[in-house]
Amino acid sequence: MIVRPGDFADPQVLDLLRVHLQGMLETSPPGHSFALDLSGLQRPDVTFLSVWDRETLLGIGALKELAPDHGELKSMRTRTDRLRSGAATAMLNALLNLARERG
């Protein structure tokens, strides 16, 4: 399992992002879904990562910088067929390490 920058041109990434956004819209109260869409994830203050098992995408996640010493975890999602695989733990650890490195 490896965590690397997310590639917005990769069809697996785009498919999982669509699943994530749809799921957030379906489960959040109207007007209260704050999931970032593709353009939001491409902003310079957002770092978007993906976790892979060889050529198979397992999950995605992002860290949004709110201030030099303050960030917010965004858009974490694991593929349904890969739940309990350790992908979310790997993503969360990578995002937390990135946040610590930034201060």
PDB file of N, CA and C in Angstrom:
ATOM      1  N   MET A   1       0.850  -1.172   0.000  1.00  0.00           N
ATOM      2  CA  MET A   1       0.000   0.000   0.000  1.00  0.00           C
ATOM      3  C   MET A   1       0.896   1.236   0.000  1.00  0.00           C
ATOM      4  N   ILE A   2       0.573   2.181  -0.883  1.00  0.00           N
ATOM      5  CA  ILE A   2       1.360   3.403  -0.975  1.00  0.00           C
ATOM      6  C   ILE A   2       0.428   4.609  -1.083  1.00  0.00           C
ATOM      7  N   VAL A   3       0.804   5.682  -0.382  1.00  0.00           N
ATOM      8  CA  VAL A   3       0.073   6.947  -0.470  1.00  0.00           C
ATOM      9  C   VAL A   3       0.892   7.878  -1.344  1.00  0.00           C
ATOM     10  N   ARG A   4       0.232   8.499  -2.311  1.00  0.00           N
ATOM     11  CA  ARG A   4       0.918   9.413  -3.223  1.00  0.00           C
ATOM     12  C   ARG A   4      -0.037  10.536  -3.605  1.00  0.00           C
ATOM     13  N   PRO A   5       0.492  11.606  -4.213  1.00  0.00           N
ATOM     14  CA  PRO A   5      -0.401  12.683  -4.655  1.00  0.00           C
ATOM     15  C   PRO A   5      -1.496  12.139  -5.573  1.00  0.00           C
ATOM     16  N   GLY A   6      -2.684  12.673  -5.420  1.00  0.00           N
ATOM     17  CA  GLY A   6      -3.800  12.253  -6.260  1.00  0.00           C
ATOM     18  C   GLY A   6      -3.672  12.835  -7.656  1.00  0.00           C
ATOM     19  N   ASP A   7      -4.029  12.042  -8.642  1.00  0.00           N
ATOM     20  CA  ASP A   7      -3.960  12.443 -10.044  1.00  0.00           C
ATOM     21  C   ASP A   7      -5.382  12.661 -10.544  1.00  0.00           C
ATOM     22  N   PHE A   8      -5.738  13.923 -10.778  1.00  0.00           N
ATOM     23  CA  PHE A   8      -7.097  14.248 -11.188  1.00  0.00           C
ATOM     24  C   PHE A   8      -7.413  13.788 -12.608  1.00  0.00           C
ATOM     25  N   ALA A   9      -6.431  13.295 -13.337  1.00  0.00           N
ATOM     26  CA  ALA A   9      -6.672  12.760 -14.678  1.00  0.00           C
ATOM     27  C   ALA A   9      -6.925  11.251 -14.640  1.00  0.00           C
ATOM     28  N   ASP A  10      -6.735  10.622 -13.483  1.00  0.00           N
ATOM     29  CA  ASP A  10      -6.902   9.174 -13.371  1.00  0.00           C
ATOM     30  C   ASP A  10      -8.388   8.830 -13.234  1.00  0.00           C
ATOM     31  N   PRO A  11      -8.917   7.985 -14.103  1.00  0.00           N
ATOM     32  CA  PRO A  11     -10.336   7.626 -14.032  1.00  0.00           C
ATOM     33  C   PRO A  11     -10.753   7.006 -12.697  1.00  0.00           C
ATOM     34  N   GLN A  12      -9.870   6.229 -12.058  1.00  0.00           N
ATOM     35  CA  GLN A  12     -10.217   5.638 -10.762  1.00  0.00           C
ATOM     36  C   GLN A  12     -10.418   6.725  -9.714  1.00  0.00           C
ATOM     37  N   VAL A  13      -9.570   7.742  -9.744  1.00  0.00           N
ATOM     38  CA  VAL A  13      -9.677   8.855  -8.797  1.00  0.00           C
ATOM     39  C   VAL A  13     -10.972   9.616  -9.045  1.00  0.00           C
ATOM     40  N   LEU A  14     -11.251   9.932 -10.290  1.00  0.00           N
ATOM     41  CA  LEU A  14     -12.467  10.678 -10.618  1.00  0.00           C
ATOM     42  C   LEU A  14     -13.721   9.893 -10.247  1.00  0.00           C
ATOM     43  N   ASP A  15     -13.718   8.586 -10.480  1.00  0.00           N
ATOM     44  CA  ASP A  15     -14.877   7.761 -10.114  1.00  0.00           C
ATOM     45  C   ASP A  15     -15.110   7.765  -8.611  1.00  0.00           C
ATOM     46  N   LEU A  16     -14.036   7.594  -7.820  1.00  0.00           N
ATOM     47  CA  LEU A  16     -14.199   7.576  -6.366  1.00  0.00           C
ATOM     48  C   LEU A  16     -14.606   8.947  -5.852  1.00  0.00           C
ATOM     49  N   LEU A  17     -14.106   9.987  -6.451  1.00  0.00           N
ATOM     50  CA  LEU A  17     -14.512  11.334  -6.056  1.00  0.00           C
ATOM     51  C   LEU A  17     -16.007  11.536  -6.327  1.00  0.00           C
ATOM     52  N   ARG A  18     -16.509  11.056  -7.457  1.00  0.00           N
ATOM     53  CA  ARG A  18     -17.946  11.155  -7.758  1.00  0.00           C
ATOM     54  C   ARG A  18     -18.768  10.383  -6.722  1.00  0.00           C
ATOM     55  N   VAL A  19     -18.320   9.181  -6.371  1.00  0.00           N
ATOM     56  CA  VAL A  19     -19.008   8.383  -5.354  1.00  0.00           C
ATOM     57  C   VAL A  19     -19.029   9.139  -4.029  1.00  0.00           C
ATOM     58  N   HIS A  20     -17.904   9.734  -3.670  1.00  0.00           N
ATOM     59  CA  HIS A  20     -17.804  10.476  -2.414  1.00  0.00           C
ATOM     60  C   HIS A  20     -18.779  11.649  -2.386  1.00  0.00           C
ATOM     61  N   LEU A  21     -18.766  12.454  -3.445  1.00  0.00           N
ATOM     62  CA  LEU A  21     -19.642  13.624  -3.482  1.00  0.00           C
ATOM     63  C   LEU A  21     -21.111  13.219  -3.443  1.00  0.00           C
ATOM     64  N   GLN A  22     -21.473  12.195  -4.198  1.00  0.00           N
ATOM     65  CA  GLN A  22     -22.856  11.723  -4.200  1.00  0.00           C
ATOM     66  C   GLN A  22     -23.255  11.225  -2.814  1.00  0.00           C
ATOM     67  N   GLY A  23     -22.373  10.477  -2.174  1.00  0.00           N
ATOM     68  CA  GLY A  23     -22.652   9.983  -0.833  1.00  0.00           C
ATOM     69  C   GLY A  23     -22.825  11.105   0.180  1.00  0.00           C
ATOM     70  N   MET A  24     -22.004  12.132   0.060  1.00  0.00           N
ATOM     71  CA  MET A  24     -22.114  13.267   0.983  1.00  0.00           C
ATOM     72  C   MET A  24     -23.429  14.014   0.769  1.00  0.00           C
ATOM     73  N   LEU A  25     -23.834  14.185  -0.481  1.00  0.00           N
ATOM     74  CA  LEU A  25     -25.100  14.868  -0.766  1.00  0.00           C
ATOM     75  C   LEU A  25     -26.294  14.058  -0.260  1.00  0.00           C
ATOM     76  N   GLU A  26     -26.210  12.739  -0.379  1.00  0.00           N
ATOM     77  CA  GLU A  26     -27.313  11.876   0.047  1.00  0.00           C
ATOM     78  C   GLU A  26     -27.448  11.782   1.559  1.00  0.00           C
ATOM     79  N   THR A  27     -26.352  11.919   2.293  1.00  0.00           N
ATOM     80  CA  THR A  27     -26.393  11.705   3.743  1.00  0.00           C
ATOM     81  C   THR A  27     -26.327  12.982   4.567  1.00  0.00           C
ATOM     82  N   SER A  28     -26.079  14.118   3.938  1.00  0.00           N
ATOM     83  CA  SER A  28     -26.004  15.387   4.665  1.00  0.00           C
ATOM     84  C   SER A  28     -27.346  16.107   4.578  1.00  0.00           C
ATOM     85  N   PRO A  29     -27.700  16.848   5.615  1.00  0.00           N
ATOM     86  CA  PRO A  29     -28.922  17.649   5.524  1.00  0.00           C
ATOM     87  C   PRO A  29     -28.811  18.632   4.351  1.00  0.00           C
ATOM     88  N   PRO A  30     -29.924  18.976   3.722  1.00  0.00           N
ATOM     89  CA  PRO A  30     -29.882  19.918   2.595  1.00  0.00           C
ATOM     90  C   PRO A  30     -29.120  21.196   2.953  1.00  0.00           C
ATOM     91  N   GLY A  31     -28.205  21.560   2.080  1.00  0.00           N
ATOM     92  CA  GLY A  31     -27.424  22.779   2.288  1.00  0.00           C
ATOM     93  C   GLY A  31     -26.278  22.634   3.265  1.00  0.00           C
ATOM     94  N   HIS A  32     -26.013  21.428   3.754  1.00  0.00           N
ATOM     95  CA  HIS A  32     -24.974  21.235   4.762  1.00  0.00           C
ATOM     96  C   HIS A  32     -23.906  20.227   4.351  1.00  0.00           C
ATOM     97  N   SER A  33     -23.729  20.011   3.060  1.00  0.00           N
ATOM     98  CA  SER A  33     -22.636  19.170   2.576  1.00  0.00           C
ATOM     99  C   SER A  33     -21.467  20.079   2.227  1.00  0.00           C
ATOM    100  N   PHE A  34     -20.355  19.877   2.902  1.00  0.00           N
ATOM    101  CA  PHE A  34     -19.194  20.736   2.705  1.00  0.00           C
ATOM    102  C   PHE A  34     -18.050  19.999   2.021  1.00  0.00           C
ATOM    103  N   ALA A  35     -18.370  18.896   1.371  1.00  0.00           N
ATOM    104  CA  ALA A  35     -17.360  18.137   0.631  1.00  0.00           C
ATOM    105  C   ALA A  35     -16.855  18.980  -0.537  1.00  0.00           C
ATOM    106  N   LEU A  36     -15.557  18.945  -0.750  1.00  0.00           N
ATOM    107  CA  LEU A  36     -14.966  19.691  -1.860  1.00  0.00           C
ATOM    108  C   LEU A  36     -15.172  18.935  -3.166  1.00  0.00           C
ATOM    109  N   ASP A  37     -15.597  19.667  -4.197  1.00  0.00           N
ATOM    110  CA  ASP A  37     -15.702  19.063  -5.523  1.00  0.00           C
ATOM    111  C   ASP A  37     -14.333  19.123  -6.197  1.00  0.00           C
ATOM    112  N   LEU A  38     -14.279  18.718  -7.464  1.00  0.00           N
ATOM    113  CA  LEU A  38     -13.003  18.665  -8.178  1.00  0.00           C
ATOM    114  C   LEU A  38     -12.286  20.006  -8.160  1.00  0.00           C
ATOM    115  N   SER A  39     -13.003  21.089  -8.448  1.00  0.00           N
ATOM    116  CA  SER A  39     -12.346  22.403  -8.469  1.00  0.00           C
ATOM    117  C   SER A  39     -11.867  22.801  -7.077  1.00  0.00           C
ATOM    118  N   GLY A  40     -12.612  22.430  -6.040  1.00  0.00           N
ATOM    119  CA  GLY A  40     -12.194  22.733  -4.675  1.00  0.00           C
ATOM    120  C   GLY A  40     -10.948  21.973  -4.268  1.00  0.00           C
ATOM    121  N   LEU A  41     -10.845  20.729  -4.722  1.00  0.00           N
ATOM    122  CA  LEU A  41      -9.671  19.917  -4.400  1.00  0.00           C
ATOM    123  C   LEU A  41      -8.430  20.350  -5.168  1.00  0.00           C
ATOM    124  N   GLN A  42      -8.622  21.086  -6.262  1.00  0.00           N
ATOM    125  CA  GLN A  42      -7.495  21.542  -7.076  1.00  0.00           C
ATOM    126  C   GLN A  42      -6.959  22.902  -6.633  1.00  0.00           C
ATOM    127  N   ARG A  43      -7.541  23.493  -5.615  1.00  0.00           N
ATOM    128  CA  ARG A  43      -7.079  24.797  -5.124  1.00  0.00           C
ATOM    129  C   ARG A  43      -5.666  24.678  -4.546  1.00  0.00           C
ATOM    130  N   PRO A  44      -4.905  25.765  -4.599  1.00  0.00           N
ATOM    131  CA  PRO A  44      -3.524  25.704  -4.098  1.00  0.00           C
ATOM    132  C   PRO A  44      -3.413  25.475  -2.586  1.00  0.00           C
ATOM    133  N   ASP A  45      -4.470  25.759  -1.827  1.00  0.00           N
ATOM    134  CA  ASP A  45      -4.418  25.555  -0.378  1.00  0.00           C
ATOM    135  C   ASP A  45      -4.872  24.150   0.032  1.00  0.00           C
ATOM    136  N   VAL A  46      -5.083  23.268  -0.956  1.00  0.00           N
ATOM    137  CA  VAL A  46      -5.529  21.903  -0.688  1.00  0.00           C
ATOM    138  C   VAL A  46      -4.499  20.918  -1.237  1.00  0.00           C
ATOM    139  N   THR A  47      -4.116  19.958  -0.396  1.00  0.00           N
ATOM    140  CA  THR A  47      -3.250  18.860  -0.832  1.00  0.00           C
ATOM    141  C   THR A  47      -4.116  17.616  -0.933  1.00  0.00           C
ATOM    142  N   PHE A  48      -4.149  17.018  -2.113  1.00  0.00           N
ATOM    143  CA  PHE A  48      -4.999  15.863  -2.392  1.00  0.00           C
ATOM    144  C   PHE A  48      -4.122  14.627  -2.550  1.00  0.00           C
ATOM    145  N   LEU A  49      -4.430  13.585  -1.780  1.00  0.00           N
ATOM    146  CA  LEU A  49      -3.646  12.350  -1.801  1.00  0.00           C
ATOM    147  C   LEU A  49      -4.526  11.157  -2.173  1.00  0.00           C
ATOM    148  N   SER A  50      -3.873  10.108  -2.621  1.00  0.00           N
ATOM    149  CA  SER A  50      -4.567   8.860  -2.940  1.00  0.00           C
ATOM    150  C   SER A  50      -3.755   7.702  -2.379  1.00  0.00           C
ATOM    151  N   VAL A  51      -4.445   6.627  -2.030  1.00  0.00           N
ATOM    152  CA  VAL A  51      -3.771   5.436  -1.500  1.00  0.00           C
ATOM    153  C   VAL A  51      -4.058   4.269  -2.448  1.00  0.00           C
ATOM    154  N   TRP A  52      -2.986   3.536  -2.768  1.00  0.00           N
ATOM    155  CA  TRP A  52      -3.034   2.504  -3.803  1.00  0.00           C
ATOM    156  C   TRP A  52      -2.486   1.172  -3.307  1.00  0.00           C
ATOM    157  N   ASP A  53      -3.026   0.109  -3.874  1.00  0.00           N
ATOM    158  CA  ASP A  53      -2.465  -1.235  -3.770  1.00  0.00           C
ATOM    159  C   ASP A  53      -2.114  -1.623  -5.200  1.00  0.00           C
ATOM    160  N   ARG A  54      -0.854  -1.485  -5.520  1.00  0.00           N
ATOM    161  CA  ARG A  54      -0.356  -1.658  -6.891  1.00  0.00           C
ATOM    162  C   ARG A  54      -1.088  -0.697  -7.823  1.00  0.00           C
ATOM    163  N   GLU A  55      -1.895  -1.198  -8.743  1.00  0.00           N
ATOM    164  CA  GLU A  55      -2.593  -0.340  -9.710  1.00  0.00           C
ATOM    165  C   GLU A  55      -4.044  -0.068  -9.325  1.00  0.00           C
ATOM    166  N   THR A  56      -4.425  -0.472  -8.114  1.00  0.00           N
ATOM    167  CA  THR A  56      -5.811  -0.323  -7.677  1.00  0.00           C
ATOM    168  C   THR A  56      -5.928   0.787  -6.643  1.00  0.00           C
ATOM    169  N   LEU A  57      -6.757   1.772  -6.932  1.00  0.00           N
ATOM    170  CA  LEU A  57      -7.030   2.847  -5.986  1.00  0.00           C
ATOM    171  C   LEU A  57      -7.842   2.299  -4.822  1.00  0.00           C
ATOM    172  N   LEU A  58      -7.399   2.599  -3.614  1.00  0.00           N
ATOM    173  CA  LEU A  58      -8.115   2.169  -2.415  1.00  0.00           C
ATOM    174  C   LEU A  58      -8.889   3.311  -1.782  1.00  0.00           C
ATOM    175  N   GLY A  59      -8.322   4.528  -1.834  1.00  0.00           N
ATOM    176  CA  GLY A  59      -8.980   5.647  -1.180  1.00  0.00           C
ATOM    177  C   GLY A  59      -8.366   6.974  -1.543  1.00  0.00           C
ATOM    178  N   ILE A  60      -9.053   8.029  -1.110  1.00  0.00           N
ATOM    179  CA  ILE A  60      -8.609   9.401  -1.340  1.00  0.00           C
ATOM    180  C   ILE A  60      -8.756  10.199  -0.047  1.00  0.00           C
ATOM    181  N   GLY A  61      -8.061  11.311   0.015  1.00  0.00           N
ATOM    182  CA  GLY A  61      -8.170  12.212   1.148  1.00  0.00           C
ATOM    183  C   GLY A  61      -7.476  13.516   0.841  1.00  0.00           C
ATOM    184  N   ALA A  62      -7.806  14.538   1.609  1.00  0.00           N
ATOM    185  CA  ALA A  62      -7.222  15.852   1.355  1.00  0.00           C
ATOM    186  C   ALA A  62      -7.012  16.596   2.665  1.00  0.00           C
ATOM    187  N   LEU A  63      -6.073  17.520   2.612  1.00  0.00           N
ATOM    188  CA  LEU A  63      -5.785  18.418   3.724  1.00  0.00           C
ATOM    189  C   LEU A  63      -5.883  19.840   3.206  1.00  0.00           C
ATOM    190  N   LYS A  64      -6.752  20.633   3.818  1.00  0.00           N
ATOM    191  CA  LYS A  64      -6.911  22.033   3.429  1.00  0.00           C
ATOM    192  C   LYS A  64      -6.199  22.903   4.454  1.00  0.00           C
ATOM    193  N   GLU A  65      -5.342  23.789   3.968  1.00  0.00           N
ATOM    194  CA  GLU A  65      -4.638  24.710   4.859  1.00  0.00           C
ATOM    195  C   GLU A  65      -5.536  25.911   5.117  1.00  0.00           C
ATOM    196  N   LEU A  66      -5.909  26.112   6.379  1.00  0.00           N
ATOM    197  CA  LEU A  66      -6.737  27.248   6.768  1.00  0.00           C
ATOM    198  C   LEU A  66      -5.881  28.428   7.199  1.00  0.00           C
ATOM    199  N   ALA A  67      -4.739  28.141   7.781  1.00  0.00           N
ATOM    200  CA  ALA A  67      -3.751  29.130   8.216  1.00  0.00           C
ATOM    201  C   ALA A  67      -2.422  28.382   8.277  1.00  0.00           C
ATOM    202  N   PRO A  68      -1.299  29.095   8.378  1.00  0.00           N
ATOM    203  CA  PRO A  68      -0.010  28.390   8.420  1.00  0.00           C
ATOM    204  C   PRO A  68       0.087  27.338   9.526  1.00  0.00           C
ATOM    205  N   ASP A  69      -0.663  27.507  10.599  1.00  0.00           N
ATOM    206  CA  ASP A  69      -0.606  26.555  11.707  1.00  0.00           C
ATOM    207  C   ASP A  69      -1.939  25.846  11.951  1.00  0.00           C
ATOM    208  N   HIS A  70      -2.809  25.849  10.932  1.00  0.00           N
ATOM    209  CA  HIS A  70      -4.139  25.268  11.117  1.00  0.00           C
ATOM    210  C   HIS A  70      -4.624  24.656   9.809  1.00  0.00           C
ATOM    211  N   GLY A  71      -5.029  23.391   9.867  1.00  0.00           N
ATOM    212  CA  GLY A  71      -5.529  22.710   8.675  1.00  0.00           C
ATOM    213  C   GLY A  71      -6.798  21.937   8.981  1.00  0.00           C
ATOM    214  N   GLU A  72      -7.427  21.447   7.933  1.00  0.00           N
ATOM    215  CA  GLU A  72      -8.665  20.681   8.065  1.00  0.00           C
ATOM    216  C   GLU A  72      -8.603  19.463   7.144  1.00  0.00           C
ATOM    217  N   LEU A  73      -8.916  18.293   7.694  1.00  0.00           N
ATOM    218  CA  LEU A  73      -9.001  17.095   6.868  1.00  0.00           C
ATOM    219  C   LEU A  73     -10.260  17.184   6.016  1.00  0.00           C
ATOM    220  N   LYS A  74     -10.133  16.822   4.734  1.00  0.00           N
ATOM    221  CA  LYS A  74     -11.257  16.918   3.803  1.00  0.00           C
ATOM    222  C   LYS A  74     -11.370  15.642   2.974  1.00  0.00           C
ATOM    223  N   SER A  75     -12.556  15.345   2.541  1.00  0.00           N
ATOM    224  CA  SER A  75     -12.836  14.381   1.469  1.00  0.00           C
ATOM    225  C   SER A  75     -12.192  13.013   1.625  1.00  0.00           C
ATOM    226  N   MET A  76     -12.166  12.465   2.828  1.00  0.00           N
ATOM    227  CA  MET A  76     -11.638  11.104   2.971  1.00  0.00           C
ATOM    228  C   MET A  76     -12.693  10.097   2.546  1.00  0.00           C
ATOM    229  N   ARG A  77     -12.288   9.156   1.703  1.00  0.00           N
ATOM    230  CA  ARG A  77     -13.206   8.104   1.243  1.00  0.00           C
ATOM    231  C   ARG A  77     -12.409   6.872   0.855  1.00  0.00           C
ATOM    232  N   THR A  78     -12.883   5.720   1.292  1.00  0.00           N
ATOM    233  CA  THR A  78     -12.316   4.433   0.888  1.00  0.00           C
ATOM    234  C   THR A  78     -13.321   3.746  -0.031  1.00  0.00           C
ATOM    235  N   ARG A  79     -12.810   3.075  -1.054  1.00  0.00           N
ATOM    236  CA  ARG A  79     -13.703   2.297  -1.923  1.00  0.00           C
ATOM    237  C   ARG A  79     -14.482   1.306  -1.072  1.00  0.00           C
ATOM    238  N   THR A  80     -15.755   1.155  -1.345  1.00  0.00           N
ATOM    239  CA  THR A  80     -16.612   0.264  -0.565  1.00  0.00           C
ATOM    240  C   THR A  80     -16.067  -1.155  -0.519  1.00  0.00           C
ATOM    241  N   ASP A  81     -15.541  -1.640  -1.637  1.00  0.00           N
ATOM    242  CA  ASP A  81     -15.035  -3.012  -1.662  1.00  0.00           C
ATOM    243  C   ASP A  81     -13.664  -3.158  -1.011  1.00  0.00           C
ATOM    244  N   ARG A  82     -13.118  -2.054  -0.506  1.00  0.00           N
ATOM    245  CA  ARG A  82     -11.818  -2.097   0.180  1.00  0.00           C
ATOM    246  C   ARG A  82     -11.907  -1.595   1.618  1.00  0.00           C
ATOM    247  N   LEU A  83     -13.117  -1.490   2.159  1.00  0.00           N
ATOM    248  CA  LEU A  83     -13.275  -1.107   3.561  1.00  0.00           C
ATOM    249  C   LEU A  83     -12.575  -2.133   4.443  1.00  0.00           C
ATOM    250  N   ARG A  84     -12.014  -1.669   5.537  1.00  0.00           N
ATOM    251  CA  ARG A  84     -11.297  -2.506   6.505  1.00  0.00           C
ATOM    252  C   ARG A  84     -10.011  -3.100   5.941  1.00  0.00           C
ATOM    253  N   SER A  85      -9.462  -2.447   4.928  1.00  0.00           N
ATOM    254  CA  SER A  85      -8.205  -2.921   4.323  1.00  0.00           C
ATOM    255  C   SER A  85      -6.983  -2.211   4.895  1.00  0.00           C
ATOM    256  N   GLY A  86      -7.220  -1.184   5.712  1.00  0.00           N
ATOM    257  CA  GLY A  86      -6.123  -0.373   6.228  1.00  0.00           C
ATOM    258  C   GLY A  86      -5.887   0.880   5.408  1.00  0.00           C
ATOM    259  N   ALA A  87      -6.648   1.056   4.330  1.00  0.00           N
ATOM    260  CA  ALA A  87      -6.463   2.222   3.459  1.00  0.00           C
ATOM    261  C   ALA A  87      -6.759   3.528   4.187  1.00  0.00           C
ATOM    262  N   ALA A  88      -7.837   3.564   4.961  1.00  0.00           N
ATOM    263  CA  ALA A  88      -8.189   4.792   5.675  1.00  0.00           C
ATOM    264  C   ALA A  88      -7.136   5.133   6.727  1.00  0.00           C
ATOM    265  N   THR A  89      -6.618   4.124   7.397  1.00  0.00           N
ATOM    266  CA  THR A  89      -5.558   4.352   8.380  1.00  0.00           C
ATOM    267  C   THR A  89      -4.313   4.907   7.704  1.00  0.00           C
ATOM    268  N   ALA A  90      -3.946   4.334   6.566  1.00  0.00           N
ATOM    269  CA  ALA A  90      -2.776   4.826   5.825  1.00  0.00           C
ATOM    270  C   ALA A  90      -2.989   6.267   5.380  1.00  0.00           C
ATOM    271  N   MET A  91      -4.190   6.581   4.894  1.00  0.00           N
ATOM    272  CA  MET A  91      -4.485   7.942   4.447  1.00  0.00           C
ATOM    273  C   MET A  91      -4.466   8.910   5.618  1.00  0.00           C
ATOM    274  N   LEU A  92      -5.133   8.561   6.696  1.00  0.00           N
ATOM    275  CA  LEU A  92      -5.174   9.439   7.859  1.00  0.00           C
ATOM    276  C   LEU A  92      -3.773   9.693   8.397  1.00  0.00           C
ATOM    277  N   ASN A  93      -2.958   8.667   8.502  1.00  0.00           N
ATOM    278  CA  ASN A  93      -1.581   8.850   8.974  1.00  0.00           C
ATOM    279  C   ASN A  93      -0.794   9.767   8.048  1.00  0.00           C
ATOM    280  N   ALA A  94      -0.956   9.604   6.737  1.00  0.00           N
ATOM    281  CA  ALA A  94      -0.242  10.459   5.781  1.00  0.00           C
ATOM    282  C   ALA A  94      -0.687  11.911   5.912  1.00  0.00           C
ATOM    283  N   LEU A  95      -1.990  12.138   6.055  1.00  0.00           N
ATOM    284  CA  LEU A  95      -2.493  13.508   6.187  1.00  0.00           C
ATOM    285  C   LEU A  95      -2.060  14.139   7.510  1.00  0.00           C
ATOM    286  N   LEU A  96      -2.093  13.372   8.594  1.00  0.00           N
ATOM    287  CA  LEU A  96      -1.646  13.903   9.888  1.00  0.00           C
ATOM    288  C   LEU A  96      -0.151  14.205   9.876  1.00  0.00           C
ATOM    289  N   ASN A  97       0.639  13.342   9.262  1.00  0.00           N
ATOM    290  CA  ASN A  97       2.077  13.607   9.147  1.00  0.00           C
ATOM    291  C   ASN A  97       2.333  14.863   8.326  1.00  0.00           C
ATOM    292  N   LEU A  98       1.593  15.038   7.249  1.00  0.00           N
ATOM    293  CA  LEU A  98       1.725  16.237   6.426  1.00  0.00           C
ATOM    294  C   LEU A  98       1.378  17.484   7.235  1.00  0.00           C
ATOM    295  N   ALA A  99       0.312  17.412   8.015  1.00  0.00           N
ATOM    296  CA  ALA A  99      -0.087  18.548   8.850  1.00  0.00           C
ATOM    297  C   ALA A  99       0.992  18.867   9.886  1.00  0.00           C
ATOM    298  N   ARG A 100       1.566  17.844  10.497  1.00  0.00           N
ATOM    299  CA  ARG A 100       2.631  18.066  11.486  1.00  0.00           C
ATOM    300  C   ARG A 100       3.855  18.713  10.839  1.00  0.00           C
ATOM    301  N   GLU A 101       4.211  18.251   9.641  1.00  0.00           N
ATOM    302  CA  GLU A 101       5.357  18.828   8.932  1.00  0.00           C
ATOM    303  C   GLU A 101       5.151  20.312   8.650  1.00  0.00           C
ATOM    304  N   ARG A 102       3.920  20.701   8.416  1.00  0.00           N
ATOM    305  CA  ARG A 102       3.606  22.104   8.106  1.00  0.00           C
ATOM    306  C   ARG A 102       3.532  22.969   9.361  1.00  0.00           C
ATOM    307  N   GLY A 103       3.432  22.322  10.509  1.00  0.00           N
ATOM    308  CA  GLY A 103       3.416  23.075  11.757  1.00  0.00           C
ATOM    309  C   GLY A 103       2.051  23.257  12.295  1.00  0.00           C
TER     310      GLY A 103
END
